[in-house]
Protein backbone atom coordinates (compact mmCIF):
# COMPACT_ATOMS: atom_id res chain seq x y z
CA MET A 1 36.37 101.50 -14.64
CA GLN A 2 36.31 105.21 -13.93
CA GLU A 3 35.36 104.53 -10.29
CA SER A 4 38.33 102.18 -9.96
CA SER A 5 40.65 104.82 -11.41
CA SER A 6 39.26 107.42 -9.01
CA THR A 7 39.78 105.06 -6.07
CA SER A 8 43.35 104.39 -7.19
CA ALA A 9 44.02 108.12 -7.38
CA GLU A 10 42.64 108.60 -3.86
CA ILE A 11 44.77 105.75 -2.53
CA SER A 12 47.82 107.15 -4.26
CA ALA A 13 47.18 110.60 -2.80
CA SER A 14 46.75 109.10 0.67
CA VAL A 15 49.98 107.13 0.35
CA GLN A 16 51.83 110.27 -0.71
CA GLU A 17 50.38 112.17 2.25
CA VAL A 18 51.43 109.41 4.66
CA ASP A 19 54.90 109.31 3.09
CA SER A 20 55.24 113.07 3.48
CA THR A 21 54.17 112.87 7.12
CA ILE A 22 56.63 110.06 7.79
CA ASN A 23 59.43 112.12 6.24
CA GLU A 24 58.49 115.10 8.41
CA LEU A 25 58.39 112.98 11.56
CA SER A 26 61.73 111.39 10.67
CA SER A 27 63.24 114.84 10.25
CA LYS A 28 61.89 115.96 13.63
CA ALA A 29 63.21 112.77 15.25
CA MET A 30 66.66 113.43 13.79
CA GLU A 31 66.54 117.01 15.03
CA GLY A 32 65.54 115.79 18.49
CA SER A 33 68.36 113.28 18.49
CA ASN A 34 70.86 115.97 17.52
CA ASN A 35 69.57 118.23 20.30
CA ALA A 36 69.87 115.40 22.82
CA ASN A 37 73.46 114.78 21.75
CA GLN A 38 74.29 118.47 22.15
CA PHE A 39 72.74 118.51 25.64
CA LYS A 40 74.69 115.39 26.55
CA GLU A 41 77.96 116.95 25.40
CA LYS A 42 77.22 120.12 27.39
CA ALA A 43 76.31 118.10 30.50
CA THR A 44 79.54 116.11 30.17
CA GLU A 45 81.52 119.34 29.91
CA VAL A 46 79.78 120.78 32.99
CA LYS A 47 80.47 117.56 34.90
CA ARG A 48 84.14 117.64 33.91
CA ASN A 49 84.50 121.31 34.88
CA SER A 50 82.72 120.73 38.19
CA GLN A 51 84.97 117.80 39.03
CA TYR A 52 88.02 119.91 38.20
CA ALA A 53 86.80 122.68 40.51
CA ILE A 54 86.12 120.17 43.30
CA ASP A 55 89.56 118.64 42.91
CA LYS A 56 91.26 122.06 42.96
CA THR A 57 89.29 123.07 46.05
CA ARG A 58 90.32 119.89 47.87
CA GLN A 59 93.96 120.52 47.00
CA MET A 60 93.76 123.95 48.65
CA HIS A 61 92.62 122.51 52.01
C-alpha cells in the first residue's frame, strides 16, 4: 500500500511539473504572438509611409 501511495505521489509531482512547463510554454507563445503582432504593425506603418513618400516623389516629377 505504501508503495502505491509513493507511486501516486511521484505521478502527481510529474503531472504538476508537466502542467507548470505547459503554462510556461503557453506564456512564451503568447509573448511571441504579441511580438509578432507588434512587428506586423510596424511593418505596415513603414509600408504606408514608404508608399506615401513614393507617391509624393512621383507628384514632383
